[in-house]
Amino acid sequence: MFWAMMYVLFFSGSAAPELSLIPDETAFRNAIADPQRLEQVLAIHGEVTATEQLLAEVQSNLYTEVARLSPLYDADNDSFAALFAELDLARVEAQETLLNKRFHLKEQMSEKEWRMIYRNR
């Protein structure tokens, strides 16, 4: 149980909104004047936000399951390993999606717009 909790503490990461990888929509609206590009960029923004929320939900559900299993005397290593494998897979999939969306977003914006959006980060 101790090692399961240590894993969660040290390797859990966070998908909390305040730690989002992308600024809120207002930053994009203030930086991008072209309505068509803004619409495309906001669509990508929505996909990033949805991916972050999905990962947060998966993490929360898996942590709940770890917390449920931890006090059970009969819970074996395989039970925990399966949960952590599922969590790792969800993170890998989210990481791949988020990186792809980041570069897609960058392609839609000028360097000036990009710097304007990320200047306070």
PDB file of N, CA and C in Angstrom:
ATOM      1  N   MET A   1       0.817  -1.181   0.000  1.00  0.00           N
ATOM      2  CA  MET A   1       0.000   0.000   0.000  1.00  0.00           C
ATOM      3  C   MET A   1       0.867   1.253   0.000  1.00  0.00           C
ATOM      4  N   PHE A   2       1.930   1.235   0.783  1.00  0.00           N
ATOM      5  CA  PHE A   2       2.813   2.395   0.862  1.00  0.00           C
ATOM      6  C   PHE A   2       3.357   2.749  -0.515  1.00  0.00           C
ATOM      7  N   TRP A   3       3.827   1.749  -1.254  1.00  0.00           N
ATOM      8  CA  TRP A   3       4.422   2.026  -2.567  1.00  0.00           C
ATOM      9  C   TRP A   3       3.377   2.491  -3.571  1.00  0.00           C
ATOM     10  N   ALA A   4       2.186   1.987  -3.454  1.00  0.00           N
ATOM     11  CA  ALA A   4       1.115   2.459  -4.338  1.00  0.00           C
ATOM     12  C   ALA A   4       0.839   3.936  -4.099  1.00  0.00           C
ATOM     13  N   MET A   5       0.785   4.332  -2.853  1.00  0.00           N
ATOM     14  CA  MET A   5       0.545   5.742  -2.544  1.00  0.00           C
ATOM     15  C   MET A   5       1.727   6.610  -2.971  1.00  0.00           C
ATOM     16  N   MET A   6       2.948   6.107  -2.812  1.00  0.00           N
ATOM     17  CA  MET A   6       4.128   6.870  -3.244  1.00  0.00           C
ATOM     18  C   MET A   6       4.104   7.069  -4.762  1.00  0.00           C
ATOM     19  N   TYR A   7       3.695   6.036  -5.463  1.00  0.00           N
ATOM     20  CA  TYR A   7       3.584   6.158  -6.917  1.00  0.00           C
ATOM     21  C   TYR A   7       2.614   7.275  -7.273  1.00  0.00           C
ATOM     22  N   VAL A   8       1.464   7.260  -6.642  1.00  0.00           N
ATOM     23  CA  VAL A   8       0.450   8.275  -6.919  1.00  0.00           C
ATOM     24  C   VAL A   8       0.981   9.660  -6.593  1.00  0.00           C
ATOM     25  N   LEU A   9       1.641   9.807  -5.462  1.00  0.00           N
ATOM     26  CA  LEU A   9       2.154  11.116  -5.058  1.00  0.00           C
ATOM     27  C   LEU A   9       3.228  11.648  -5.997  1.00  0.00           C
ATOM     28  N   PHE A  10       4.167  10.798  -6.372  1.00  0.00           N
ATOM     29  CA  PHE A  10       5.314  11.281  -7.136  1.00  0.00           C
ATOM     30  C   PHE A  10       5.137  11.250  -8.645  1.00  0.00           C
ATOM     31  N   PHE A  11       4.293  10.387  -9.141  1.00  0.00           N
ATOM     32  CA  PHE A  11       4.172  10.249 -10.584  1.00  0.00           C
ATOM     33  C   PHE A  11       2.799  10.627 -11.113  1.00  0.00           C
ATOM     34  N   SER A  12       1.982  11.196 -10.277  1.00  0.00           N
ATOM     35  CA  SER A  12       0.611  11.447 -10.699  1.00  0.00           C
ATOM     36  C   SER A  12       0.461  12.615 -11.644  1.00  0.00           C
ATOM     37  N   GLY A  13       1.302  13.623 -11.565  1.00  0.00           N
ATOM     38  CA  GLY A  13       1.112  14.795 -12.410  1.00  0.00           C
ATOM     39  C   GLY A  13      -0.185  15.478 -12.034  1.00  0.00           C
ATOM     40  N   SER A  14      -0.657  16.339 -12.904  1.00  0.00           N
ATOM     41  CA  SER A  14      -1.909  17.024 -12.616  1.00  0.00           C
ATOM     42  C   SER A  14      -2.534  17.498 -13.905  1.00  0.00           C
ATOM     43  N   ALA A  15      -3.806  17.456 -13.938  1.00  0.00           N
ATOM     44  CA  ALA A  15      -4.523  18.021 -15.075  1.00  0.00           C
ATOM     45  C   ALA A  15      -5.498  19.072 -14.568  1.00  0.00           C
ATOM     46  N   ALA A  16      -5.124  19.691 -13.470  1.00  0.00           N
ATOM     47  CA  ALA A  16      -5.960  20.740 -12.903  1.00  0.00           C
ATOM     48  C   ALA A  16      -6.017  21.918 -13.863  1.00  0.00           C
ATOM     49  N   PRO A  17      -7.152  22.594 -13.939  1.00  0.00           N
ATOM     50  CA  PRO A  17      -7.296  23.714 -14.875  1.00  0.00           C
ATOM     51  C   PRO A  17      -6.224  24.779 -14.714  1.00  0.00           C
ATOM     52  N   GLU A  18      -5.805  25.057 -13.474  1.00  0.00           N
ATOM     53  CA  GLU A  18      -4.790  26.086 -13.288  1.00  0.00           C
ATOM     54  C   GLU A  18      -3.423  25.663 -13.821  1.00  0.00           C
ATOM     55  N   LEU A  19      -3.258  24.390 -14.099  1.00  0.00           N
ATOM     56  CA  LEU A  19      -2.007  23.891 -14.659  1.00  0.00           C
ATOM     57  C   LEU A  19      -2.171  23.500 -16.121  1.00  0.00           C
ATOM     58  N   SER A  20      -3.186  23.999 -16.747  1.00  0.00           N
ATOM     59  CA  SER A  20      -3.447  23.698 -18.141  1.00  0.00           C
ATOM     60  C   SER A  20      -2.252  24.091 -19.004  1.00  0.00           C
ATOM     61  N   LEU A  21      -2.060  23.337 -20.057  1.00  0.00           N
ATOM     62  CA  LEU A  21      -0.957  23.610 -20.973  1.00  0.00           C
ATOM     63  C   LEU A  21      -1.264  24.744 -21.933  1.00  0.00           C
ATOM     64  N   ILE A  22      -2.467  25.232 -21.913  1.00  0.00           N
ATOM     65  CA  ILE A  22      -2.888  26.213 -22.908  1.00  0.00           C
ATOM     66  C   ILE A  22      -3.632  27.354 -22.204  1.00  0.00           C
ATOM     67  N   PRO A  23      -3.368  28.587 -22.613  1.00  0.00           N
ATOM     68  CA  PRO A  23      -4.092  29.718 -22.014  1.00  0.00           C
ATOM     69  C   PRO A  23      -5.589  29.641 -22.321  1.00  0.00           C
ATOM     70  N   ASP A  24      -6.362  30.448 -21.624  1.00  0.00           N
ATOM     71  CA  ASP A  24      -7.803  30.435 -21.869  1.00  0.00           C
ATOM     72  C   ASP A  24      -8.138  31.123 -23.195  1.00  0.00           C
ATOM     73  N   GLU A  25      -9.385  30.972 -23.608  1.00  0.00           N
ATOM     74  CA  GLU A  25      -9.826  31.485 -24.916  1.00  0.00           C
ATOM     75  C   GLU A  25      -9.625  32.984 -25.065  1.00  0.00           C
ATOM     76  N   THR A  26      -9.725  33.722 -23.987  1.00  0.00           N
ATOM     77  CA  THR A  26      -9.593  35.180 -24.050  1.00  0.00           C
ATOM     78  C   THR A  26      -8.254  35.594 -24.638  1.00  0.00           C
ATOM     79  N   ALA A  27      -7.196  34.904 -24.261  1.00  0.00           N
ATOM     80  CA  ALA A  27      -5.866  35.227 -24.786  1.00  0.00           C
ATOM     81  C   ALA A  27      -5.830  35.078 -26.301  1.00  0.00           C
ATOM     82  N   PHE A  28      -6.471  34.052 -26.808  1.00  0.00           N
ATOM     83  CA  PHE A  28      -6.507  33.831 -28.254  1.00  0.00           C
ATOM     84  C   PHE A  28      -7.367  34.881 -28.950  1.00  0.00           C
ATOM     85  N   ARG A  29      -8.486  35.196 -28.343  1.00  0.00           N
ATOM     86  CA  ARG A  29      -9.377  36.208 -28.924  1.00  0.00           C
ATOM     87  C   ARG A  29      -8.695  37.576 -28.991  1.00  0.00           C
ATOM     88  N   ASN A  30      -7.865  37.891 -28.004  1.00  0.00           N
ATOM     89  CA  ASN A  30      -7.160  39.173 -27.978  1.00  0.00           C
ATOM     90  C   ASN A  30      -5.990  39.226 -28.956  1.00  0.00           C
ATOM     91  N   ALA A  31      -5.435  38.080 -29.303  1.00  0.00           N
ATOM     92  CA  ALA A  31      -4.227  38.052 -30.131  1.00  0.00           C
ATOM     93  C   ALA A  31      -4.497  37.842 -31.615  1.00  0.00           C
ATOM     94  N   ILE A  32      -5.576  37.164 -31.958  1.00  0.00           N
ATOM     95  CA  ILE A  32      -5.829  36.793 -33.354  1.00  0.00           C
ATOM     96  C   ILE A  32      -6.987  37.624 -33.903  1.00  0.00           C
ATOM     97  N   ALA A  33      -6.679  38.421 -34.922  1.00  0.00           N
ATOM     98  CA  ALA A  33      -7.685  39.322 -35.500  1.00  0.00           C
ATOM     99  C   ALA A  33      -8.529  38.650 -36.587  1.00  0.00           C
ATOM    100  N   ASP A  34      -7.937  37.723 -37.330  1.00  0.00           N
ATOM    101  CA  ASP A  34      -8.634  37.065 -38.438  1.00  0.00           C
ATOM    102  C   ASP A  34      -9.691  36.092 -37.893  1.00  0.00           C
ATOM    103  N   PRO A  35     -10.972  36.332 -38.164  1.00  0.00           N
ATOM    104  CA  PRO A  35     -12.041  35.493 -37.606  1.00  0.00           C
ATOM    105  C   PRO A  35     -11.966  34.022 -38.025  1.00  0.00           C
ATOM    106  N   GLN A  36     -11.541  33.757 -39.260  1.00  0.00           N
ATOM    107  CA  GLN A  36     -11.460  32.362 -39.719  1.00  0.00           C
ATOM    108  C   GLN A  36     -10.366  31.605 -38.973  1.00  0.00           C
ATOM    109  N   ARG A  37      -9.191  32.229 -38.862  1.00  0.00           N
ATOM    110  CA  ARG A  37      -8.107  31.564 -38.130  1.00  0.00           C
ATOM    111  C   ARG A  37      -8.454  31.433 -36.654  1.00  0.00           C
ATOM    112  N   LEU A  38      -9.100  32.451 -36.108  1.00  0.00           N
ATOM    113  CA  LEU A  38      -9.508  32.391 -34.702  1.00  0.00           C
ATOM    114  C   LEU A  38     -10.440  31.207 -34.471  1.00  0.00           C
ATOM    115  N   GLU A  39     -11.372  31.000 -35.378  1.00  0.00           N
ATOM    116  CA  GLU A  39     -12.293  29.871 -35.262  1.00  0.00           C
ATOM    117  C   GLU A  39     -11.533  28.540 -35.276  1.00  0.00           C
ATOM    118  N   GLN A  40     -10.555  28.413 -36.170  1.00  0.00           N
ATOM    119  CA  GLN A  40      -9.746  27.189 -36.241  1.00  0.00           C
ATOM    120  C   GLN A  40      -8.946  26.994 -34.957  1.00  0.00           C
ATOM    121  N   VAL A  41      -8.338  28.073 -34.490  1.00  0.00           N
ATOM    122  CA  VAL A  41      -7.515  28.004 -33.282  1.00  0.00           C
ATOM    123  C   VAL A  41      -8.377  27.654 -32.067  1.00  0.00           C
ATOM    124  N   LEU A  42      -9.551  28.243 -31.973  1.00  0.00           N
ATOM    125  CA  LEU A  42     -10.433  27.940 -30.843  1.00  0.00           C
ATOM    126  C   LEU A  42     -10.937  26.497 -30.888  1.00  0.00           C
ATOM    127  N   ALA A  43     -11.089  25.948 -32.085  1.00  0.00           N
ATOM    128  CA  ALA A  43     -11.469  24.534 -32.205  1.00  0.00           C
ATOM    129  C   ALA A  43     -10.356  23.648 -31.641  1.00  0.00           C
ATOM    130  N   ILE A  44      -9.113  23.973 -31.975  1.00  0.00           N
ATOM    131  CA  ILE A  44      -7.973  23.218 -31.440  1.00  0.00           C
ATOM    132  C   ILE A  44      -7.913  23.402 -29.925  1.00  0.00           C
ATOM    133  N   HIS A  45      -8.124  24.630 -29.477  1.00  0.00           N
ATOM    134  CA  HIS A  45      -8.145  24.921 -28.041  1.00  0.00           C
ATOM    135  C   HIS A  45      -9.171  24.030 -27.334  1.00  0.00           C
ATOM    136  N   GLY A  46     -10.337  23.894 -27.924  1.00  0.00           N
ATOM    137  CA  GLY A  46     -11.369  23.044 -27.345  1.00  0.00           C
ATOM    138  C   GLY A  46     -10.946  21.586 -27.262  1.00  0.00           C
ATOM    139  N   GLU A  47     -10.233  21.108 -28.274  1.00  0.00           N
ATOM    140  CA  GLU A  47      -9.750  19.725 -28.272  1.00  0.00           C
ATOM    141  C   GLU A  47      -8.705  19.523 -27.178  1.00  0.00           C
ATOM    142  N   VAL A  48      -7.823  20.502 -27.004  1.00  0.00           N
ATOM    143  CA  VAL A  48      -6.810  20.416 -25.948  1.00  0.00           C
ATOM    144  C   VAL A  48      -7.485  20.393 -24.580  1.00  0.00           C
ATOM    145  N   THR A  49      -8.422  21.289 -24.383  1.00  0.00           N
ATOM    146  CA  THR A  49      -9.135  21.358 -23.109  1.00  0.00           C
ATOM    147  C   THR A  49      -9.876  20.053 -22.828  1.00  0.00           C
ATOM    148  N   ALA A  50     -10.511  19.497 -23.837  1.00  0.00           N
ATOM    149  CA  ALA A  50     -11.231  18.232 -23.672  1.00  0.00           C
ATOM    150  C   ALA A  50     -10.274  17.098 -23.313  1.00  0.00           C
ATOM    151  N   THR A  51      -9.100  17.074 -23.936  1.00  0.00           N
ATOM    152  CA  THR A  51      -8.104  16.044 -23.635  1.00  0.00           C
ATOM    153  C   THR A  51      -7.619  16.181 -22.201  1.00  0.00           C
ATOM    154  N   GLU A  52      -7.351  17.405 -21.772  1.00  0.00           N
ATOM    155  CA  GLU A  52      -6.912  17.630 -20.391  1.00  0.00           C
ATOM    156  C   GLU A  52      -7.991  17.198 -19.398  1.00  0.00           C
ATOM    157  N   GLN A  53      -9.237  17.511 -19.693  1.00  0.00           N
ATOM    158  CA  GLN A  53     -10.339  17.138 -18.802  1.00  0.00           C
ATOM    159  C   GLN A  53     -10.528  15.623 -18.753  1.00  0.00           C
ATOM    160  N   LEU A  54     -10.396  14.979 -19.892  1.00  0.00           N
ATOM    161  CA  LEU A  54     -10.530  13.527 -19.934  1.00  0.00           C
ATOM    162  C   LEU A  54      -9.426  12.867 -19.118  1.00  0.00           C
ATOM    163  N   LEU A  55      -8.202  13.347 -19.263  1.00  0.00           N
ATOM    164  CA  LEU A  55      -7.098  12.791 -18.487  1.00  0.00           C
ATOM    165  C   LEU A  55      -7.335  13.000 -16.995  1.00  0.00           C
ATOM    166  N   ALA A  56      -7.790  14.168 -16.610  1.00  0.00           N
ATOM    167  CA  ALA A  56      -8.076  14.442 -15.199  1.00  0.00           C
ATOM    168  C   ALA A  56      -9.137  13.482 -14.666  1.00  0.00           C
ATOM    169  N   GLU A  57     -10.140  13.204 -15.479  1.00  0.00           N
ATOM    170  CA  GLU A  57     -11.209  12.289 -15.075  1.00  0.00           C
ATOM    171  C   GLU A  57     -10.680  10.865 -14.928  1.00  0.00           C
ATOM    172  N   VAL A  58      -9.878  10.426 -15.883  1.00  0.00           N
ATOM    173  CA  VAL A  58      -9.292   9.081 -15.815  1.00  0.00           C
ATOM    174  C   VAL A  58      -8.417   8.964 -14.572  1.00  0.00           C
ATOM    175  N   GLN A  59      -7.568   9.971 -14.339  1.00  0.00           N
ATOM    176  CA  GLN A  59      -6.698   9.953 -13.157  1.00  0.00           C
ATOM    177  C   GLN A  59      -7.525   9.881 -11.881  1.00  0.00           C
ATOM    178  N   SER A  60      -8.544  10.692 -11.791  1.00  0.00           N
ATOM    179  CA  SER A  60      -9.381  10.716 -10.596  1.00  0.00           C
ATOM    180  C   SER A  60     -10.039   9.359 -10.355  1.00  0.00           C
ATOM    181  N   ASN A  61     -10.573   8.765 -11.411  1.00  0.00           N
ATOM    182  CA  ASN A  61     -11.214   7.453 -11.280  1.00  0.00           C
ATOM    183  C   ASN A  61     -10.221   6.384 -10.853  1.00  0.00           C
ATOM    184  N   LEU A  62      -9.023   6.424 -11.422  1.00  0.00           N
ATOM    185  CA  LEU A  62      -8.027   5.418 -11.065  1.00  0.00           C
ATOM    186  C   LEU A  62      -7.512   5.627  -9.645  1.00  0.00           C
ATOM    187  N   TYR A  63      -7.346   6.866  -9.225  1.00  0.00           N
ATOM    188  CA  TYR A  63      -6.918   7.137  -7.849  1.00  0.00           C
ATOM    189  C   TYR A  63      -7.978   6.667  -6.860  1.00  0.00           C
ATOM    190  N   THR A  64      -9.231   6.842  -7.221  1.00  0.00           N
ATOM    191  CA  THR A  64     -10.325   6.360  -6.376  1.00  0.00           C
ATOM    192  C   THR A  64     -10.250   4.846  -6.242  1.00  0.00           C
ATOM    193  N   GLU A  65      -9.955   4.190  -7.335  1.00  0.00           N
ATOM    194  CA  GLU A  65      -9.837   2.726  -7.308  1.00  0.00           C
ATOM    195  C   GLU A  65      -8.630   2.289  -6.481  1.00  0.00           C
ATOM    196  N   VAL A  66      -7.509   2.997  -6.593  1.00  0.00           N
ATOM    197  CA  VAL A  66      -6.333   2.689  -5.765  1.00  0.00           C
ATOM    198  C   VAL A  66      -6.686   2.867  -4.289  1.00  0.00           C
ATOM    199  N   ALA A  67      -7.370   3.944  -3.972  1.00  0.00           N
ATOM    200  CA  ALA A  67      -7.773   4.194  -2.586  1.00  0.00           C
ATOM    201  C   ALA A  67      -8.727   3.110  -2.086  1.00  0.00           C
ATOM    202  N   ARG A  68      -9.568   2.597  -2.972  1.00  0.00           N
ATOM    203  CA  ARG A  68     -10.491   1.526  -2.589  1.00  0.00           C
ATOM    204  C   ARG A  68      -9.748   0.218  -2.332  1.00  0.00           C
ATOM    205  N   LEU A  69      -8.749  -0.062  -3.172  1.00  0.00           N
ATOM    206  CA  LEU A  69      -8.004  -1.315  -3.040  1.00  0.00           C
ATOM    207  C   LEU A  69      -6.988  -1.298  -1.898  1.00  0.00           C
ATOM    208  N   SER A  70      -6.420  -0.154  -1.622  1.00  0.00           N
ATOM    209  CA  SER A  70      -5.315  -0.069  -0.663  1.00  0.00           C
ATOM    210  C   SER A  70      -5.600  -0.712   0.691  1.00  0.00           C
ATOM    211  N   PRO A  71      -6.740  -0.474   1.302  1.00  0.00           N
ATOM    212  CA  PRO A  71      -6.959  -1.076   2.621  1.00  0.00           C
ATOM    213  C   PRO A  71      -7.352  -2.560   2.581  1.00  0.00           C
ATOM    214  N   LEU A  72      -7.593  -3.102   1.404  1.00  0.00           N
ATOM    215  CA  LEU A  72      -8.016  -4.500   1.307  1.00  0.00           C
ATOM    216  C   LEU A  72      -6.830  -5.436   1.508  1.00  0.00           C
ATOM    217  N   TYR A  73      -6.942  -6.306   2.459  1.00  0.00           N
ATOM    218  CA  TYR A  73      -5.870  -7.246   2.764  1.00  0.00           C
ATOM    219  C   TYR A  73      -5.587  -8.159   1.577  1.00  0.00           C
ATOM    220  N   ASP A  74      -6.618  -8.551   0.859  1.00  0.00           N
ATOM    221  CA  ASP A  74      -6.480  -9.499  -0.246  1.00  0.00           C
ATOM    222  C   ASP A  74      -6.078  -8.856  -1.575  1.00  0.00           C
ATOM    223  N   ALA A  75      -5.960  -7.538  -1.618  1.00  0.00           N
ATOM    224  CA  ALA A  75      -5.557  -6.873  -2.871  1.00  0.00           C
ATOM    225  C   ALA A  75      -4.126  -7.275  -3.203  1.00  0.00           C
ATOM    226  N   ASP A  76      -3.931  -7.761  -4.404  1.00  0.00           N
ATOM    227  CA  ASP A  76      -2.595  -8.219  -4.781  1.00  0.00           C
ATOM    228  C   ASP A  76      -1.898  -7.212  -5.700  1.00  0.00           C
ATOM    229  N   ASN A  77      -0.650  -7.482  -5.948  1.00  0.00           N
ATOM    230  CA  ASN A  77       0.181  -6.602  -6.768  1.00  0.00           C
ATOM    231  C   ASN A  77      -0.392  -6.433  -8.172  1.00  0.00           C
ATOM    232  N   ASP A  78      -0.926  -7.509  -8.719  1.00  0.00           N
ATOM    233  CA  ASP A  78      -1.474  -7.444 -10.077  1.00  0.00           C
ATOM    234  C   ASP A  78      -2.637  -6.459 -10.187  1.00  0.00           C
ATOM    235  N   SER A  79      -3.429  -6.359  -9.135  1.00  0.00           N
ATOM    236  CA  SER A  79      -4.547  -5.407  -9.141  1.00  0.00           C
ATOM    237  C   SER A  79      -4.038  -3.977  -9.271  1.00  0.00           C
ATOM    238  N   PHE A  80      -3.010  -3.658  -8.489  1.00  0.00           N
ATOM    239  CA  PHE A  80      -2.438  -2.314  -8.549  1.00  0.00           C
ATOM    240  C   PHE A  80      -1.691  -2.089  -9.858  1.00  0.00           C
ATOM    241  N   ALA A  81      -0.966  -3.105 -10.291  1.00  0.00           N
ATOM    242  CA  ALA A  81      -0.196  -2.974 -11.534  1.00  0.00           C
ATOM    243  C   ALA A  81      -1.119  -2.696 -12.717  1.00  0.00           C
ATOM    244  N   ALA A  82      -2.267  -3.347 -12.747  1.00  0.00           N
ATOM    245  CA  ALA A  82      -3.221  -3.120 -13.838  1.00  0.00           C
ATOM    246  C   ALA A  82      -3.740  -1.683 -13.820  1.00  0.00           C
ATOM    247  N   LEU A  83      -4.011  -1.163 -12.639  1.00  0.00           N
ATOM    248  CA  LEU A  83      -4.477   0.225 -12.533  1.00  0.00           C
ATOM    249  C   LEU A  83      -3.408   1.203 -13.000  1.00  0.00           C
ATOM    250  N   PHE A  84      -2.178   0.986 -12.554  1.00  0.00           N
ATOM    251  CA  PHE A  84      -1.105   1.902 -12.937  1.00  0.00           C
ATOM    252  C   PHE A  84      -0.765   1.783 -14.423  1.00  0.00           C
ATOM    253  N   ALA A  85      -0.918   0.586 -14.978  1.00  0.00           N
ATOM    254  CA  ALA A  85      -0.707   0.424 -16.418  1.00  0.00           C
ATOM    255  C   ALA A  85      -1.776   1.199 -17.193  1.00  0.00           C
ATOM    256  N   GLU A  86      -3.002   1.148 -16.705  1.00  0.00           N
ATOM    257  CA  GLU A  86      -4.083   1.899 -17.349  1.00  0.00           C
ATOM    258  C   GLU A  86      -3.823   3.404 -17.260  1.00  0.00           C
ATOM    259  N   LEU A  87      -3.348   3.847 -16.111  1.00  0.00           N
ATOM    260  CA  LEU A  87      -3.026   5.260 -15.929  1.00  0.00           C
ATOM    261  C   LEU A  87      -1.882   5.681 -16.849  1.00  0.00           C
ATOM    262  N   ASP A  88      -0.855   4.857 -16.920  1.00  0.00           N
ATOM    263  CA  ASP A  88       0.277   5.168 -17.801  1.00  0.00           C
ATOM    264  C   ASP A  88      -0.161   5.262 -19.259  1.00  0.00           C
ATOM    265  N   LEU A  89      -1.009   4.346 -19.684  1.00  0.00           N
ATOM    266  CA  LEU A  89      -1.511   4.360 -21.060  1.00  0.00           C
ATOM    267  C   LEU A  89      -2.315   5.634 -21.329  1.00  0.00           C
ATOM    268  N   ALA A  90      -3.157   6.009 -20.389  1.00  0.00           N
ATOM    269  CA  ALA A  90      -3.950   7.237 -20.558  1.00  0.00           C
ATOM    270  C   ALA A  90      -3.038   8.452 -20.675  1.00  0.00           C
ATOM    271  N   ARG A  91      -1.979   8.480 -19.896  1.00  0.00           N
ATOM    272  CA  ARG A  91      -1.042   9.605 -19.959  1.00  0.00           C
ATOM    273  C   ARG A  91      -0.291   9.643 -21.282  1.00  0.00           C
ATOM    274  N   VAL A  92       0.141   8.502 -21.747  1.00  0.00           N
ATOM    275  CA  VAL A  92       0.857   8.448 -23.025  1.00  0.00           C
ATOM    276  C   VAL A  92      -0.055   8.923 -24.153  1.00  0.00           C
ATOM    277  N   GLU A  93      -1.281   8.446 -24.163  1.00  0.00           N
ATOM    278  CA  GLU A  93      -2.227   8.867 -25.202  1.00  0.00           C
ATOM    279  C   GLU A  93      -2.503  10.367 -25.123  1.00  0.00           C
ATOM    280  N   ALA A  94      -2.681  10.883 -23.916  1.00  0.00           N
ATOM    281  CA  ALA A  94      -2.935  12.321 -23.750  1.00  0.00           C
ATOM    282  C   ALA A  94      -1.714  13.134 -24.164  1.00  0.00           C
ATOM    283  N   GLN A  95      -0.539  12.663 -23.796  1.00  0.00           N
ATOM    284  CA  GLN A  95       0.688  13.379 -24.159  1.00  0.00           C
ATOM    285  C   GLN A  95       0.826  13.469 -25.674  1.00  0.00           C
ATOM    286  N   GLU A  96       0.584  12.376 -26.349  1.00  0.00           N
ATOM    287  CA  GLU A  96       0.680  12.364 -27.809  1.00  0.00           C
ATOM    288  C   GLU A  96      -0.336  13.328 -28.428  1.00  0.00           C
ATOM    289  N   THR A  97      -1.556  13.277 -27.948  1.00  0.00           N
ATOM    290  CA  THR A  97      -2.600  14.174 -28.455  1.00  0.00           C
ATOM    291  C   THR A  97      -2.250  15.626 -28.188  1.00  0.00           C
ATOM    292  N   LEU A  98      -1.823  15.926 -26.963  1.00  0.00           N
ATOM    293  CA  LEU A  98      -1.514  17.308 -26.597  1.00  0.00           C
ATOM    294  C   LEU A  98      -0.344  17.861 -27.400  1.00  0.00           C
ATOM    295  N   LEU A  99       0.672  17.049 -27.616  1.00  0.00           N
ATOM    296  CA  LEU A  99       1.807  17.524 -28.415  1.00  0.00           C
ATOM    297  C   LEU A  99       1.401  17.761 -29.866  1.00  0.00           C
ATOM    298  N   ASN A 100       0.623  16.852 -30.422  1.00  0.00           N
ATOM    299  CA  ASN A 100       0.152  17.042 -31.800  1.00  0.00           C
ATOM    300  C   ASN A 100      -0.682  18.311 -31.926  1.00  0.00           C
ATOM    301  N   LYS A 101      -1.562  18.530 -30.964  1.00  0.00           N
ATOM    302  CA  LYS A 101      -2.411  19.728 -30.999  1.00  0.00           C
ATOM    303  C   LYS A 101      -1.581  20.991 -30.815  1.00  0.00           C
ATOM    304  N   ARG A 102      -0.555  20.932 -29.998  1.00  0.00           N
ATOM    305  CA  ARG A 102       0.304  22.092 -29.784  1.00  0.00           C
ATOM    306  C   ARG A 102       0.956  22.517 -31.089  1.00  0.00           C
ATOM    307  N   PHE A 103       1.493  21.561 -31.824  1.00  0.00           N
ATOM    308  CA  PHE A 103       2.152  21.897 -33.087  1.00  0.00           C
ATOM    309  C   PHE A 103       1.143  22.300 -34.166  1.00  0.00           C
ATOM    310  N   HIS A 104      -0.037  21.715 -34.129  1.00  0.00           N
ATOM    311  CA  HIS A 104      -1.094  22.122 -35.057  1.00  0.00           C
ATOM    312  C   HIS A 104      -1.506  23.563 -34.753  1.00  0.00           C
ATOM    313  N   LEU A 105      -1.618  23.874 -33.493  1.00  0.00           N
ATOM    314  CA  LEU A 105      -1.949  25.237 -33.073  1.00  0.00           C
ATOM    315  C   LEU A 105      -0.874  26.221 -33.533  1.00  0.00           C
ATOM    316  N   LYS A 106       0.365  25.840 -33.367  1.00  0.00           N
ATOM    317  CA  LYS A 106       1.489  26.701 -33.770  1.00  0.00           C
ATOM    318  C   LYS A 106       1.452  26.984 -35.271  1.00  0.00           C
ATOM    319  N   GLU A 107       1.079  25.981 -36.065  1.00  0.00           N
ATOM    320  CA  GLU A 107       0.992  26.159 -37.519  1.00  0.00           C
ATOM    321  C   GLU A 107      -0.070  27.185 -37.909  1.00  0.00           C
ATOM    322  N   GLN A 108      -1.084  27.338 -37.077  1.00  0.00           N
ATOM    323  CA  GLN A 108      -2.190  28.245 -37.384  1.00  0.00           C
ATOM    324  C   GLN A 108      -1.913  29.695 -36.978  1.00  0.00           C
ATOM    325  N   MET A 109      -0.799  29.913 -36.286  1.00  0.00           N
ATOM    326  CA  MET A 109      -0.545  31.237 -35.720  1.00  0.00           C
ATOM    327  C   MET A 109       0.798  31.795 -36.162  1.00  0.00           C
ATOM    328  N   SER A 110       0.889  33.118 -36.172  1.00  0.00           N
ATOM    329  CA  SER A 110       2.171  33.770 -36.448  1.00  0.00           C
ATOM    330  C   SER A 110       3.007  33.766 -35.164  1.00  0.00           C
ATOM    331  N   GLU A 111       4.288  34.013 -35.321  1.00  0.00           N
ATOM    332  CA  GLU A 111       5.160  34.070 -34.148  1.00  0.00           C
ATOM    333  C   GLU A 111       4.721  35.192 -33.203  1.00  0.00           C
ATOM    334  N   LYS A 112       4.327  36.310 -33.781  1.00  0.00           N
ATOM    335  CA  LYS A 112       3.879  37.450 -32.969  1.00  0.00           C
ATOM    336  C   LYS A 112       2.645  37.075 -32.140  1.00  0.00           C
ATOM    337  N   GLU A 113       1.687  36.411 -32.766  1.00  0.00           N
ATOM    338  CA  GLU A 113       0.481  35.988 -32.049  1.00  0.00           C
ATOM    339  C   GLU A 113       0.831  34.995 -30.939  1.00  0.00           C
ATOM    340  N   TRP A 114       1.710  34.072 -31.276  1.00  0.00           N
ATOM    341  CA  TRP A 114       2.126  33.054 -30.313  1.00  0.00           C
ATOM    342  C   TRP A 114       2.740  33.703 -29.078  1.00  0.00           C
ATOM    343  N   ARG A 115       3.672  34.618 -29.317  1.00  0.00           N
ATOM    344  CA  ARG A 115       4.335  35.298 -28.200  1.00  0.00           C
ATOM    345  C   ARG A 115       3.345  36.134 -27.393  1.00  0.00           C
ATOM    346  N   MET A 116       2.406  36.735 -28.066  1.00  0.00           N
ATOM    347  CA  MET A 116       1.395  37.542 -27.387  1.00  0.00           C
ATOM    348  C   MET A 116       0.542  36.674 -26.442  1.00  0.00           C
ATOM    349  N   ILE A 117       0.181  35.513 -26.899  1.00  0.00           N
ATOM    350  CA  ILE A 117      -0.649  34.610 -26.102  1.00  0.00           C
ATOM    351  C   ILE A 117       0.117  34.044 -24.910  1.00  0.00           C
ATOM    352  N   TYR A 118       1.369  33.699 -25.130  1.00  0.00           N
ATOM    353  CA  TYR A 118       2.149  33.038 -24.084  1.00  0.00           C
ATOM    354  C   TYR A 118       3.045  33.982 -23.292  1.00  0.00           C
ATOM    355  N   ARG A 119       2.913  35.265 -23.458  1.00  0.00           N
ATOM    356  CA  ARG A 119       3.817  36.215 -22.796  1.00  0.00           C
ATOM    357  C   ARG A 119       3.725  36.174 -21.280  1.00  0.00           C
ATOM    358  N   ASN A 120       2.608  35.833 -20.740  1.00  0.00           N
ATOM    359  CA  ASN A 120       2.446  35.822 -19.285  1.00  0.00           C
ATOM    360  C   ASN A 120       2.611  34.441 -18.667  1.00  0.00           C
ATOM    361  N   ARG A 121       3.085  33.507 -19.420  1.00  0.00           N
ATOM    362  CA  ARG A 121       3.234  32.145 -18.886  1.00  0.00           C
ATOM    363  C   ARG A 121       4.652  31.853 -18.524  1.00  0.00           C
TER     364      ARG A 121
END
